[in-house]
Amino acid sequence: MEKLLREGYIRRREVAEAMLRVPRELFVPEGLREYAYEDRPLPIGMGQTISAPHMVAYMVEAAEIGRGDKVLEVGTGSGYHAAVMAELVGPEGHVYTVERIPELAEQAKRRLEALGYNNVTVVVADGSKGYPPAAPYDKIVVTAAARRIPPELVRQLKVGGIMVIPVEEEPGYQVLYKVVKKPEGLEVVRLLPVAFVPLIEEE
């Protein structure tokens, strides 16, 4: 945690406290728990990964997630990122997290329920289409690399809302974008190069 603070990945006290409250070791496979607090991604099965702690911190900081926010996460994975965001939004906020792989979604759902996160809803669906029933959202966080900014996700973002999404600008090269939906259109800021699993977009 000190390293993430020192290197500027964590800027707000609330983010540091949220990450300290979430037991990361419970979100990785049992055989990898000794590596849970190393700052690197880890495999969680089904070809998916849990992001490195610095990337989780960076994304929630970039999305400016705070108390009372309604958040859409695309790509539940292990549920770790959703748990950190659930801590940040508090009981007055809610995190809707969409996962296309049913086995991962079920595991994450059980894990989050066991830890008492009743402000998280896990949905099995095509994440590139978002989750219209709960739209619009204050914040959208995408944890898989898209080929472009999905228009359906933009539609589900409130005016004034923020989306953080990795985009594959060219084969093998991804950049994390911060997208702010303004009345006059989108403000898109390129943040930094990243490496995420691809966002599967069903036709």
C-alpha atoms as a PDB file:
ATOM      1  CA  MET A   1       0.000   0.000   0.000  1.00  0.00           C
ATOM      2  CA  GLU A   2       2.855   2.389   0.859  1.00  0.00           C
ATOM      3  CA  LYS A   3       4.344   1.706  -2.604  1.00  0.00           C
ATOM      4  CA  LEU A   4       1.047   2.558  -4.346  1.00  0.00           C
ATOM      5  CA  LEU A   5       0.773   5.775  -2.348  1.00  0.00           C
ATOM      6  CA  ARG A   6       4.416   6.667  -2.963  1.00  0.00           C
ATOM      7  CA  GLU A   7       4.145   6.069  -6.719  1.00  0.00           C
ATOM      8  CA  GLY A   8       0.943   8.112  -6.980  1.00  0.00           C
ATOM      9  CA  TYR A   9      -1.472   5.328  -7.948  1.00  0.00           C
ATOM     10  CA  ILE A  10      -3.496   6.102  -4.823  1.00  0.00           C
ATOM     11  CA  ARG A  11      -4.251   9.775  -4.247  1.00  0.00           C
ATOM     12  CA  ARG A  12      -7.294   9.700  -1.966  1.00  0.00           C
ATOM     13  CA  ARG A  13      -7.348   8.374   1.580  1.00  0.00           C
ATOM     14  CA  GLU A  14     -10.709   6.707   0.844  1.00  0.00           C
ATOM     15  CA  VAL A  15      -9.133   4.562  -1.880  1.00  0.00           C
ATOM     16  CA  ALA A  16      -6.320   3.417   0.411  1.00  0.00           C
ATOM     17  CA  GLU A  17      -8.825   2.544   3.137  1.00  0.00           C
ATOM     18  CA  ALA A  18     -11.110   0.691   0.696  1.00  0.00           C
ATOM     19  CA  MET A  19      -8.244  -1.447  -0.591  1.00  0.00           C
ATOM     20  CA  LEU A  20      -7.069  -2.218   2.943  1.00  0.00           C
ATOM     21  CA  ARG A  21     -10.575  -3.423   3.875  1.00  0.00           C
ATOM     22  CA  VAL A  22     -10.871  -5.902   0.979  1.00  0.00           C
ATOM     23  CA  PRO A  23      -9.101  -9.250   1.640  1.00  0.00           C
ATOM     24  CA  ARG A  24      -7.471  -9.726  -1.777  1.00  0.00           C
ATOM     25  CA  GLU A  25      -6.269 -13.229  -0.884  1.00  0.00           C
ATOM     26  CA  LEU A  26      -9.897 -14.446  -0.916  1.00  0.00           C
ATOM     27  CA  PHE A  27     -10.273 -13.358  -4.552  1.00  0.00           C
ATOM     28  CA  VAL A  28      -7.423 -15.428  -5.985  1.00  0.00           C
ATOM     29  CA  PRO A  29      -7.156 -19.233  -6.396  1.00  0.00           C
ATOM     30  CA  GLU A  30      -6.045 -20.979  -3.210  1.00  0.00           C
ATOM     31  CA  GLY A  31      -2.737 -22.061  -4.735  1.00  0.00           C
ATOM     32  CA  LEU A  32      -1.821 -18.434  -5.505  1.00  0.00           C
ATOM     33  CA  ARG A  33      -2.782 -16.817  -2.215  1.00  0.00           C
ATOM     34  CA  GLU A  34       0.847 -16.313  -1.156  1.00  0.00           C
ATOM     35  CA  TYR A  35       1.139 -13.916  -4.130  1.00  0.00           C
ATOM     36  CA  ALA A  36      -2.132 -12.051  -3.438  1.00  0.00           C
ATOM     37  CA  TYR A  37      -0.457  -8.861  -2.234  1.00  0.00           C
ATOM     38  CA  GLU A  38       2.253  -8.713  -4.875  1.00  0.00           C
ATOM     39  CA  ASP A  39       1.647  -5.887  -7.326  1.00  0.00           C
ATOM     40  CA  ARG A  40       0.917  -7.985 -10.392  1.00  0.00           C
ATOM     41  CA  PRO A  41      -2.045  -9.592 -12.137  1.00  0.00           C
ATOM     42  CA  LEU A  42      -2.800 -13.237 -11.336  1.00  0.00           C
ATOM     43  CA  PRO A  43      -4.705 -15.902 -13.287  1.00  0.00           C
ATOM     44  CA  ILE A  44      -8.159 -16.785 -11.915  1.00  0.00           C
ATOM     45  CA  GLY A  45      -9.107 -19.455 -14.471  1.00  0.00           C
ATOM     46  CA  MET A  46     -11.166 -19.436 -17.692  1.00  0.00           C
ATOM     47  CA  GLY A  47      -8.421 -17.392 -19.355  1.00  0.00           C
ATOM     48  CA  GLN A  48      -9.126 -14.399 -17.081  1.00  0.00           C
ATOM     49  CA  THR A  49      -7.015 -12.492 -14.553  1.00  0.00           C
ATOM     50  CA  ILE A  50      -7.329 -10.384 -11.419  1.00  0.00           C
ATOM     51  CA  SER A  51      -5.743  -6.993 -12.119  1.00  0.00           C
ATOM     52  CA  ALA A  52      -2.648  -5.860 -10.274  1.00  0.00           C
ATOM     53  CA  PRO A  53      -3.447  -3.726  -7.189  1.00  0.00           C
ATOM     54  CA  HIS A  54      -1.873  -0.624  -8.759  1.00  0.00           C
ATOM     55  CA  MET A  55      -4.212  -0.898 -11.762  1.00  0.00           C
ATOM     56  CA  VAL A  56      -7.319  -1.304  -9.578  1.00  0.00           C
ATOM     57  CA  ALA A  57      -6.249   1.765  -7.589  1.00  0.00           C
ATOM     58  CA  TYR A  58      -5.474   3.761 -10.731  1.00  0.00           C
ATOM     59  CA  MET A  59      -8.823   2.933 -12.362  1.00  0.00           C
ATOM     60  CA  VAL A  60     -10.994   3.808  -9.348  1.00  0.00           C
ATOM     61  CA  GLU A  61      -9.034   7.056  -8.916  1.00  0.00           C
ATOM     62  CA  ALA A  62      -9.453   7.918 -12.608  1.00  0.00           C
ATOM     63  CA  ALA A  63     -13.189   7.161 -12.429  1.00  0.00           C
ATOM     64  CA  GLU A  64     -13.458   9.373  -9.316  1.00  0.00           C
ATOM     65  CA  ILE A  65     -15.698   6.796  -7.650  1.00  0.00           C
ATOM     66  CA  GLY A  66     -17.235   8.115  -4.448  1.00  0.00           C
ATOM     67  CA  ARG A  67     -20.020   7.735  -1.908  1.00  0.00           C
ATOM     68  CA  GLY A  68     -23.468   7.195  -3.343  1.00  0.00           C
ATOM     69  CA  ASP A  69     -22.334   6.484  -6.908  1.00  0.00           C
ATOM     70  CA  LYS A  70     -24.178   3.972  -9.068  1.00  0.00           C
ATOM     71  CA  VAL A  71     -21.410   2.123 -10.898  1.00  0.00           C
ATOM     72  CA  LEU A  72     -21.418  -0.318 -13.797  1.00  0.00           C
ATOM     73  CA  GLU A  73     -18.437  -2.652 -14.005  1.00  0.00           C
ATOM     74  CA  VAL A  74     -17.884  -4.597 -17.216  1.00  0.00           C
ATOM     75  CA  GLY A  75     -15.912  -7.768 -16.445  1.00  0.00           C
ATOM     76  CA  THR A  76     -16.506  -9.080 -12.922  1.00  0.00           C
ATOM     77  CA  GLY A  77     -13.693 -11.626 -12.950  1.00  0.00           C
ATOM     78  CA  SER A  78     -13.009 -12.645  -9.355  1.00  0.00           C
ATOM     79  CA  GLY A  79     -15.135  -9.815  -7.924  1.00  0.00           C
ATOM     80  CA  TYR A  80     -12.167  -8.038  -6.318  1.00  0.00           C
ATOM     81  CA  HIS A  81     -12.509  -4.797  -8.268  1.00  0.00           C
ATOM     82  CA  ALA A  82     -16.252  -4.733  -7.523  1.00  0.00           C
ATOM     83  CA  ALA A  83     -15.540  -5.172  -3.812  1.00  0.00           C
ATOM     84  CA  VAL A  84     -13.134  -2.205  -3.767  1.00  0.00           C
ATOM     85  CA  MET A  85     -15.722  -0.066  -5.571  1.00  0.00           C
ATOM     86  CA  ALA A  86     -18.469  -1.267  -3.204  1.00  0.00           C
ATOM     87  CA  GLU A  87     -16.372   0.012  -0.304  1.00  0.00           C
ATOM     88  CA  LEU A  88     -16.017   3.377  -2.047  1.00  0.00           C
ATOM     89  CA  VAL A  89     -19.695   3.878  -2.955  1.00  0.00           C
ATOM     90  CA  GLY A  90     -20.866   2.824   0.511  1.00  0.00           C
ATOM     91  CA  PRO A  91     -24.337   1.575   1.471  1.00  0.00           C
ATOM     92  CA  GLU A  92     -26.010   4.495  -0.307  1.00  0.00           C
ATOM     93  CA  GLY A  93     -24.369   3.529  -3.632  1.00  0.00           C
ATOM     94  CA  HIS A  94     -24.495   0.361  -5.731  1.00  0.00           C
ATOM     95  CA  VAL A  95     -22.203  -1.576  -8.058  1.00  0.00           C
ATOM     96  CA  TYR A  96     -23.679  -3.551 -10.957  1.00  0.00           C
ATOM     97  CA  THR A  97     -21.051  -5.884 -12.351  1.00  0.00           C
ATOM     98  CA  VAL A  98     -21.466  -7.855 -15.581  1.00  0.00           C
ATOM     99  CA  GLU A  99     -19.588 -11.064 -16.397  1.00  0.00           C
ATOM    100  CA  ARG A 100     -20.055 -13.162 -19.548  1.00  0.00           C
ATOM    101  CA  ILE A 101     -18.587 -16.387 -18.051  1.00  0.00           C
ATOM    102  CA  PRO A 102     -21.287 -17.953 -15.813  1.00  0.00           C
ATOM    103  CA  GLU A 103     -18.827 -19.935 -13.653  1.00  0.00           C
ATOM    104  CA  LEU A 104     -16.801 -16.832 -12.791  1.00  0.00           C
ATOM    105  CA  ALA A 105     -19.960 -14.817 -12.131  1.00  0.00           C
ATOM    106  CA  GLU A 106     -21.301 -17.463  -9.743  1.00  0.00           C
ATOM    107  CA  GLN A 107     -17.999 -17.728  -7.868  1.00  0.00           C
ATOM    108  CA  ALA A 108     -17.770 -13.933  -7.560  1.00  0.00           C
ATOM    109  CA  LYS A 109     -21.389 -13.689  -6.413  1.00  0.00           C
ATOM    110  CA  ARG A 110     -20.843 -16.260  -3.645  1.00  0.00           C
ATOM    111  CA  ARG A 111     -17.591 -14.601  -2.573  1.00  0.00           C
ATOM    112  CA  LEU A 112     -19.111 -11.102  -2.422  1.00  0.00           C
ATOM    113  CA  GLU A 113     -22.191 -12.333  -0.535  1.00  0.00           C
ATOM    114  CA  ALA A 114     -20.028 -14.206   1.974  1.00  0.00           C
ATOM    115  CA  LEU A 115     -18.086 -10.998   2.639  1.00  0.00           C
ATOM    116  CA  GLY A 116     -21.297  -9.035   3.188  1.00  0.00           C
ATOM    117  CA  TYR A 117     -21.299  -6.876   0.056  1.00  0.00           C
ATOM    118  CA  ASN A 118     -25.044  -6.401  -0.324  1.00  0.00           C
ATOM    119  CA  ASN A 119     -24.514  -3.302  -2.480  1.00  0.00           C
ATOM    120  CA  VAL A 120     -23.198  -5.368  -5.418  1.00  0.00           C
ATOM    121  CA  THR A 121     -25.335  -7.082  -8.076  1.00  0.00           C
ATOM    122  CA  VAL A 122     -23.605  -9.661 -10.296  1.00  0.00           C
ATOM    123  CA  VAL A 123     -25.165 -10.140 -13.734  1.00  0.00           C
ATOM    124  CA  VAL A 124     -24.327 -12.774 -16.387  1.00  0.00           C
ATOM    125  CA  ALA A 125     -24.474 -10.982 -19.750  1.00  0.00           C
ATOM    126  CA  ASP A 126     -22.502  -9.543 -22.669  1.00  0.00           C
ATOM    127  CA  GLY A 127     -20.715  -6.681 -20.927  1.00  0.00           C
ATOM    128  CA  SER A 128     -20.178  -4.700 -24.122  1.00  0.00           C
ATOM    129  CA  LYS A 129     -23.948  -4.092 -24.075  1.00  0.00           C
ATOM    130  CA  GLY A 130     -23.791  -2.838 -20.487  1.00  0.00           C
ATOM    131  CA  TYR A 131     -26.771  -3.421 -18.195  1.00  0.00           C
ATOM    132  CA  PRO A 132     -29.711  -1.269 -19.359  1.00  0.00           C
ATOM    133  CA  PRO A 133     -32.138  -2.145 -16.509  1.00  0.00           C
ATOM    134  CA  ALA A 134     -30.144  -0.113 -13.968  1.00  0.00           C
ATOM    135  CA  ALA A 135     -28.970   2.673 -16.318  1.00  0.00           C
ATOM    136  CA  PRO A 136     -28.019   5.478 -16.293  1.00  0.00           C
ATOM    137  CA  TYR A 137     -24.797   5.177 -14.280  1.00  0.00           C
ATOM    138  CA  ASP A 138     -22.616   7.765 -12.574  1.00  0.00           C
ATOM    139  CA  LYS A 139     -19.492   5.795 -13.413  1.00  0.00           C
ATOM    140  CA  ILE A 140     -18.598   2.891 -15.726  1.00  0.00           C
ATOM    141  CA  VAL A 141     -15.396   0.875 -15.299  1.00  0.00           C
ATOM    142  CA  VAL A 142     -14.410  -1.629 -17.994  1.00  0.00           C
ATOM    143  CA  THR A 143     -11.803  -4.260 -17.126  1.00  0.00           C
ATOM    144  CA  ALA A 144     -11.286  -5.714 -20.608  1.00  0.00           C
ATOM    145  CA  ALA A 145      -9.874  -4.051 -23.705  1.00  0.00           C
ATOM    146  CA  ALA A 146     -12.400  -2.902 -26.309  1.00  0.00           C
ATOM    147  CA  ARG A 147     -11.689  -2.211 -29.982  1.00  0.00           C
ATOM    148  CA  ARG A 148     -13.435   1.149 -29.572  1.00  0.00           C
ATOM    149  CA  ILE A 149     -15.531   2.959 -26.973  1.00  0.00           C
ATOM    150  CA  PRO A 150     -18.814   0.989 -27.090  1.00  0.00           C
ATOM    151  CA  PRO A 151     -21.697   3.356 -27.996  1.00  0.00           C
ATOM    152  CA  GLU A 152     -24.090   1.311 -25.839  1.00  0.00           C
ATOM    153  CA  LEU A 153     -21.982   2.029 -22.755  1.00  0.00           C
ATOM    154  CA  VAL A 154     -21.859   5.746 -23.596  1.00  0.00           C
ATOM    155  CA  ARG A 155     -25.668   5.762 -23.805  1.00  0.00           C
ATOM    156  CA  GLN A 156     -25.888   4.246 -20.308  1.00  0.00           C
ATOM    157  CA  LEU A 157     -23.608   6.881 -18.762  1.00  0.00           C
ATOM    158  CA  LYS A 158     -25.195   9.926 -17.118  1.00  0.00           C
ATOM    159  CA  VAL A 159     -24.334  13.370 -18.416  1.00  0.00           C
ATOM    160  CA  GLY A 160     -21.439  14.394 -16.194  1.00  0.00           C
ATOM    161  CA  GLY A 161     -20.532  10.739 -15.684  1.00  0.00           C
ATOM    162  CA  ILE A 162     -17.120   9.146 -16.180  1.00  0.00           C
ATOM    163  CA  MET A 163     -16.116   5.921 -17.937  1.00  0.00           C
ATOM    164  CA  VAL A 164     -12.665   4.358 -17.625  1.00  0.00           C
ATOM    165  CA  ILE A 165     -11.944   1.827 -20.362  1.00  0.00           C
ATOM    166  CA  PRO A 166      -8.903   0.184 -21.978  1.00  0.00           C
ATOM    167  CA  VAL A 167      -8.965   0.454 -25.777  1.00  0.00           C
ATOM    168  CA  GLU A 168      -6.783  -1.488 -28.220  1.00  0.00           C
ATOM    169  CA  GLU A 169      -5.543   1.345 -30.429  1.00  0.00           C
ATOM    170  CA  GLU A 170      -3.608  -1.030 -32.655  1.00  0.00           C
ATOM    171  CA  PRO A 171      -2.872  -4.778 -32.497  1.00  0.00           C
ATOM    172  CA  GLY A 172      -1.035  -5.515 -29.265  1.00  0.00           C
ATOM    173  CA  TYR A 173      -1.167  -1.922 -27.986  1.00  0.00           C
ATOM    174  CA  GLN A 174      -3.790  -0.850 -25.447  1.00  0.00           C
ATOM    175  CA  VAL A 175      -4.332   2.528 -23.811  1.00  0.00           C
ATOM    176  CA  LEU A 176      -6.507   3.325 -20.810  1.00  0.00           C
ATOM    177  CA  TYR A 177      -9.022   6.081 -21.615  1.00  0.00           C
ATOM    178  CA  LYS A 178     -10.959   8.354 -19.306  1.00  0.00           C
ATOM    179  CA  VAL A 179     -14.218   9.367 -20.992  1.00  0.00           C
ATOM    180  CA  VAL A 180     -16.309  12.200 -19.542  1.00  0.00           C
ATOM    181  CA  LYS A 181     -19.838  12.581 -20.929  1.00  0.00           C
ATOM    182  CA  LYS A 182     -20.545  16.286 -21.274  1.00  0.00           C
ATOM    183  CA  PRO A 183     -23.697  17.965 -22.607  1.00  0.00           C
ATOM    184  CA  GLU A 184     -21.816  18.929 -25.765  1.00  0.00           C
ATOM    185  CA  GLY A 185     -20.261  15.473 -26.281  1.00  0.00           C
ATOM    186  CA  LEU A 186     -17.459  13.216 -25.037  1.00  0.00           C
ATOM    187  CA  GLU A 187     -14.189  14.406 -23.573  1.00  0.00           C
ATOM    188  CA  VAL A 188     -11.665  11.588 -24.080  1.00  0.00           C
ATOM    189  CA  VAL A 189      -8.327  11.599 -22.259  1.00  0.00           C
ATOM    190  CA  ARG A 190      -5.594   9.023 -22.935  1.00  0.00           C
ATOM    191  CA  LEU A 191      -4.104   7.971 -19.590  1.00  0.00           C
ATOM    192  CA  LEU A 192      -1.425   5.280 -19.952  1.00  0.00           C
ATOM    193  CA  PRO A 193      -0.521   2.057 -21.810  1.00  0.00           C
ATOM    194  CA  VAL A 194      -2.088  -1.066 -20.262  1.00  0.00           C
ATOM    195  CA  ALA A 195      -2.505  -4.809 -20.865  1.00  0.00           C
ATOM    196  CA  PHE A 196      -5.955  -6.349 -20.387  1.00  0.00           C
ATOM    197  CA  VAL A 197      -7.754  -9.424 -21.674  1.00  0.00           C
ATOM    198  CA  PRO A 198      -9.948  -8.545 -24.686  1.00  0.00           C
ATOM    199  CA  LEU A 199     -13.557  -7.436 -24.319  1.00  0.00           C
ATOM    200  CA  ILE A 200     -15.648 -10.010 -26.185  1.00  0.00           C
ATOM    201  CA  GLU A 201     -18.255  -8.110 -28.175  1.00  0.00           C
ATOM    202  CA  GLU A 202     -21.052 -10.327 -29.434  1.00  0.00           C
ATOM    203  CA  GLU A 203     -22.820  -9.231 -32.584  1.00  0.00           C
END
